[in-house]
Amino acid sequence: MPTEPPYDASSIRILNPDEYSNKFFWAKAGDLASQYKKPEPWIRRGLEACERVNVPHDYFISRYLLNDKSVPRNPTVDLVFIEVLKEDRR
């Protein structure tokens, strides 16, 4: 059986802001809320909907934060967004 490498101080790495924002969508939601002056829970739900249906976050950012209506609607993301909202209200 292979042995695990030791977990010690050298195993810990501090992420820079871009790394944590890309790794954790909830952190990205906070950054975007500050940048676009929109409610963080709304942005988090939109990013989570994208995550659940494997759509890049750029879709939500372009269509809903930048208000770029040339980006075609993704009805699947919209449906999942509503599901996430309902889950949050439970």
N, C-alpha and C. Protein backbone atom coordinates (compact mmCIF):
# COMPACT_ATOMS: atom_id res chain seq x y z
N MET A 1 0.85 -1.18 0.00
CA MET A 1 0.00 0.00 0.00
C MET A 1 0.90 1.24 0.00
N PRO A 2 0.64 2.21 -0.92
CA PRO A 2 1.50 3.40 -0.97
C PRO A 2 1.30 4.27 0.28
N THR A 3 2.38 4.87 0.68
CA THR A 3 2.29 5.75 1.85
C THR A 3 1.98 7.16 1.42
N GLU A 4 1.24 7.85 2.26
CA GLU A 4 0.88 9.25 2.00
C GLU A 4 2.06 10.13 2.35
N PRO A 5 2.28 11.20 1.58
CA PRO A 5 3.33 12.14 1.97
C PRO A 5 2.92 12.81 3.29
N PRO A 6 3.89 13.22 4.08
CA PRO A 6 3.54 13.83 5.37
C PRO A 6 2.81 15.16 5.16
N TYR A 7 1.87 15.40 6.05
CA TYR A 7 1.16 16.68 6.05
C TYR A 7 1.81 17.55 7.10
N ASP A 8 2.50 18.60 6.64
CA ASP A 8 3.17 19.50 7.57
C ASP A 8 3.06 20.93 7.03
N ALA A 9 3.79 21.83 7.61
CA ALA A 9 3.71 23.25 7.23
C ALA A 9 4.00 23.45 5.74
N SER A 10 4.81 22.62 5.16
CA SER A 10 5.12 22.79 3.73
C SER A 10 3.93 22.41 2.84
N SER A 11 2.93 21.74 3.41
CA SER A 11 1.73 21.36 2.66
C SER A 11 0.75 22.51 2.51
N ILE A 12 0.92 23.56 3.30
CA ILE A 12 -0.01 24.68 3.32
C ILE A 12 0.47 25.76 2.37
N ARG A 13 -0.44 26.22 1.53
CA ARG A 13 -0.10 27.27 0.57
C ARG A 13 -1.17 28.34 0.62
N ILE A 14 -0.75 29.59 0.68
CA ILE A 14 -1.68 30.72 0.67
C ILE A 14 -1.99 31.05 -0.79
N LEU A 15 -3.27 31.07 -1.12
CA LEU A 15 -3.69 31.39 -2.48
C LEU A 15 -3.71 32.91 -2.66
N ASN A 16 -3.33 33.36 -3.85
CA ASN A 16 -3.47 34.78 -4.14
C ASN A 16 -4.94 35.04 -4.51
N PRO A 17 -5.37 36.31 -4.53
CA PRO A 17 -6.79 36.60 -4.78
C PRO A 17 -7.35 35.98 -6.06
N ASP A 18 -6.59 35.97 -7.14
CA ASP A 18 -7.09 35.36 -8.37
C ASP A 18 -7.29 33.85 -8.21
N GLU A 19 -6.36 33.21 -7.51
CA GLU A 19 -6.46 31.77 -7.33
C GLU A 19 -7.67 31.38 -6.49
N TYR A 20 -7.90 32.09 -5.37
CA TYR A 20 -9.04 31.69 -4.55
C TYR A 20 -10.35 32.05 -5.22
N SER A 21 -10.37 33.14 -5.97
CA SER A 21 -11.58 33.53 -6.68
C SER A 21 -11.93 32.49 -7.75
N ASN A 22 -10.93 31.94 -8.41
CA ASN A 22 -11.17 30.93 -9.43
C ASN A 22 -11.48 29.57 -8.83
N LYS A 23 -10.93 29.28 -7.66
CA LYS A 23 -11.12 27.98 -7.03
C LYS A 23 -12.47 27.88 -6.32
N PHE A 24 -12.93 28.96 -5.71
CA PHE A 24 -14.14 28.95 -4.92
C PHE A 24 -15.14 29.95 -5.48
N PHE A 25 -16.24 29.46 -6.07
CA PHE A 25 -17.17 30.39 -6.72
C PHE A 25 -17.82 31.33 -5.71
N TRP A 26 -17.94 30.91 -4.44
CA TRP A 26 -18.53 31.80 -3.44
C TRP A 26 -17.62 33.00 -3.18
N ALA A 27 -16.30 32.80 -3.30
CA ALA A 27 -15.38 33.94 -3.15
C ALA A 27 -15.50 34.85 -4.36
N LYS A 28 -15.64 34.24 -5.51
CA LYS A 28 -15.82 35.01 -6.75
C LYS A 28 -17.10 35.84 -6.67
N ALA A 29 -18.15 35.28 -6.07
CA ALA A 29 -19.42 36.00 -5.93
C ALA A 29 -19.21 37.27 -5.10
N GLY A 30 -18.46 37.19 -4.03
CA GLY A 30 -18.18 38.36 -3.21
C GLY A 30 -17.40 39.42 -3.96
N ASP A 31 -16.40 38.99 -4.72
CA ASP A 31 -15.62 39.93 -5.52
C ASP A 31 -16.49 40.62 -6.57
N LEU A 32 -17.33 39.84 -7.24
CA LEU A 32 -18.20 40.41 -8.27
C LEU A 32 -19.25 41.35 -7.67
N ALA A 33 -19.75 41.00 -6.48
CA ALA A 33 -20.74 41.86 -5.81
C ALA A 33 -20.14 43.23 -5.53
N SER A 34 -18.91 43.25 -5.08
CA SER A 34 -18.23 44.53 -4.83
C SER A 34 -18.00 45.29 -6.12
N GLN A 35 -17.57 44.57 -7.13
CA GLN A 35 -17.25 45.21 -8.41
C GLN A 35 -18.48 45.78 -9.10
N TYR A 36 -19.59 45.03 -9.10
CA TYR A 36 -20.77 45.45 -9.87
C TYR A 36 -21.89 46.03 -9.00
N LYS A 37 -21.65 46.13 -7.70
CA LYS A 37 -22.64 46.72 -6.77
C LYS A 37 -24.00 46.00 -6.87
N LYS A 38 -23.93 44.68 -6.85
CA LYS A 38 -25.13 43.84 -6.89
C LYS A 38 -25.12 42.95 -5.65
N PRO A 39 -26.28 42.42 -5.26
CA PRO A 39 -26.34 41.57 -4.07
C PRO A 39 -25.52 40.28 -4.23
N GLU A 40 -24.67 40.03 -3.26
CA GLU A 40 -23.82 38.84 -3.30
C GLU A 40 -24.62 37.54 -3.37
N PRO A 41 -25.73 37.38 -2.62
CA PRO A 41 -26.48 36.12 -2.71
C PRO A 41 -27.03 35.87 -4.12
N TRP A 42 -27.46 36.92 -4.79
CA TRP A 42 -27.98 36.78 -6.16
C TRP A 42 -26.87 36.31 -7.10
N ILE A 43 -25.69 36.90 -6.97
CA ILE A 43 -24.56 36.50 -7.81
C ILE A 43 -24.13 35.08 -7.49
N ARG A 44 -24.08 34.74 -6.21
CA ARG A 44 -23.70 33.38 -5.82
C ARG A 44 -24.65 32.36 -6.43
N ARG A 45 -25.97 32.66 -6.41
CA ARG A 45 -26.94 31.74 -7.00
C ARG A 45 -26.70 31.58 -8.50
N GLY A 46 -26.43 32.69 -9.18
CA GLY A 46 -26.17 32.62 -10.61
C GLY A 46 -24.94 31.80 -10.95
N LEU A 47 -23.88 31.99 -10.17
CA LEU A 47 -22.65 31.22 -10.40
C LEU A 47 -22.87 29.75 -10.06
N GLU A 48 -23.63 29.49 -8.99
CA GLU A 48 -23.92 28.11 -8.62
C GLU A 48 -24.76 27.42 -9.70
N ALA A 49 -25.72 28.14 -10.27
CA ALA A 49 -26.51 27.57 -11.36
C ALA A 49 -25.61 27.19 -12.53
N CYS A 50 -24.67 28.06 -12.86
CA CYS A 50 -23.72 27.76 -13.94
C CYS A 50 -22.90 26.52 -13.59
N GLU A 51 -22.42 26.45 -12.34
CA GLU A 51 -21.62 25.30 -11.89
C GLU A 51 -22.41 24.00 -12.07
N ARG A 52 -23.66 24.02 -11.66
CA ARG A 52 -24.47 22.79 -11.68
C ARG A 52 -24.71 22.26 -13.08
N VAL A 53 -24.76 23.13 -14.08
CA VAL A 53 -25.03 22.67 -15.45
C VAL A 53 -23.79 22.77 -16.33
N ASN A 54 -22.63 22.99 -15.69
CA ASN A 54 -21.36 23.01 -16.39
C ASN A 54 -21.29 24.08 -17.48
N VAL A 55 -21.78 25.26 -17.14
CA VAL A 55 -21.71 26.43 -18.04
C VAL A 55 -20.67 27.39 -17.43
N PRO A 56 -19.78 27.93 -18.23
CA PRO A 56 -18.78 28.85 -17.67
C PRO A 56 -19.43 30.05 -16.98
N HIS A 57 -18.79 30.51 -15.91
CA HIS A 57 -19.27 31.69 -15.18
C HIS A 57 -19.39 32.91 -16.09
N ASP A 58 -18.60 32.93 -17.13
CA ASP A 58 -18.63 34.07 -18.06
C ASP A 58 -20.03 34.31 -18.62
N TYR A 59 -20.80 33.24 -18.75
CA TYR A 59 -22.18 33.40 -19.23
C TYR A 59 -22.95 34.32 -18.30
N PHE A 60 -22.96 34.00 -17.01
CA PHE A 60 -23.71 34.80 -16.03
C PHE A 60 -23.16 36.22 -15.95
N ILE A 61 -21.85 36.32 -15.93
CA ILE A 61 -21.21 37.64 -15.83
C ILE A 61 -21.60 38.50 -17.02
N SER A 62 -21.47 37.95 -18.22
CA SER A 62 -21.78 38.73 -19.42
C SER A 62 -23.26 39.08 -19.52
N ARG A 63 -24.09 38.07 -19.37
CA ARG A 63 -25.53 38.26 -19.60
C ARG A 63 -26.19 39.09 -18.49
N TYR A 64 -25.84 38.83 -17.24
CA TYR A 64 -26.58 39.44 -16.14
C TYR A 64 -25.84 40.58 -15.42
N LEU A 65 -24.52 40.52 -15.35
CA LEU A 65 -23.80 41.62 -14.69
C LEU A 65 -23.41 42.71 -15.67
N LEU A 66 -22.99 42.30 -16.85
CA LEU A 66 -22.64 43.29 -17.88
C LEU A 66 -23.84 43.66 -18.74
N ASN A 67 -24.96 42.97 -18.52
CA ASN A 67 -26.21 43.24 -19.25
C ASN A 67 -26.03 43.14 -20.76
N ASP A 68 -25.22 42.17 -21.20
CA ASP A 68 -24.95 41.97 -22.62
C ASP A 68 -26.02 41.04 -23.19
N LYS A 69 -27.06 41.63 -23.77
CA LYS A 69 -28.18 40.84 -24.28
C LYS A 69 -27.86 40.16 -25.62
N SER A 70 -26.64 40.40 -26.15
CA SER A 70 -26.24 39.66 -27.34
C SER A 70 -25.85 38.22 -26.98
N VAL A 71 -25.62 37.97 -25.69
CA VAL A 71 -25.35 36.61 -25.22
C VAL A 71 -26.69 35.89 -25.14
N PRO A 72 -26.85 34.81 -25.91
CA PRO A 72 -28.13 34.11 -25.91
C PRO A 72 -28.47 33.56 -24.53
N ARG A 73 -29.75 33.63 -24.16
CA ARG A 73 -30.21 33.08 -22.89
C ARG A 73 -29.94 31.58 -22.85
N ASN A 74 -29.63 31.10 -21.69
CA ASN A 74 -29.47 29.67 -21.49
C ASN A 74 -30.60 29.25 -20.55
N PRO A 75 -31.68 28.68 -21.12
CA PRO A 75 -32.84 28.36 -20.29
C PRO A 75 -32.53 27.35 -19.18
N THR A 76 -31.56 26.48 -19.40
CA THR A 76 -31.19 25.52 -18.37
C THR A 76 -30.61 26.23 -17.15
N VAL A 77 -29.73 27.20 -17.37
CA VAL A 77 -29.17 27.97 -16.26
C VAL A 77 -30.29 28.70 -15.53
N ASP A 78 -31.21 29.27 -16.28
CA ASP A 78 -32.33 30.01 -15.67
C ASP A 78 -33.18 29.10 -14.78
N LEU A 79 -33.46 27.87 -15.25
CA LEU A 79 -34.25 26.93 -14.45
C LEU A 79 -33.52 26.52 -13.18
N VAL A 80 -32.23 26.25 -13.31
CA VAL A 80 -31.45 25.84 -12.15
C VAL A 80 -31.29 27.01 -11.18
N PHE A 81 -31.19 28.23 -11.70
CA PHE A 81 -31.13 29.42 -10.85
C PHE A 81 -32.36 29.48 -9.94
N ILE A 82 -33.53 29.19 -10.51
CA ILE A 82 -34.78 29.19 -9.73
C ILE A 82 -34.75 28.08 -8.68
N GLU A 83 -34.21 26.90 -9.05
CA GLU A 83 -34.09 25.81 -8.09
C GLU A 83 -33.20 26.20 -6.92
N VAL A 84 -32.07 26.83 -7.23
CA VAL A 84 -31.14 27.26 -6.18
C VAL A 84 -31.83 28.27 -5.26
N LEU A 85 -32.58 29.19 -5.84
CA LEU A 85 -33.31 30.17 -5.05
C LEU A 85 -34.29 29.48 -4.10
N LYS A 86 -35.03 28.50 -4.60
CA LYS A 86 -35.99 27.77 -3.77
C LYS A 86 -35.26 27.01 -2.65
N GLU A 87 -34.12 26.42 -2.96
CA GLU A 87 -33.34 25.69 -1.95
C GLU A 87 -32.88 26.65 -0.85
N ASP A 88 -32.47 27.84 -1.24
CA ASP A 88 -32.00 28.84 -0.27
C ASP A 88 -33.12 29.30 0.65
N ARG A 89 -34.34 29.25 0.18
CA ARG A 89 -35.48 29.73 0.98
C ARG A 89 -35.99 28.67 1.95
N ARG A 90 -35.55 27.44 1.80
CA ARG A 90 -36.01 26.36 2.70
C ARG A 90 -35.36 26.45 4.04
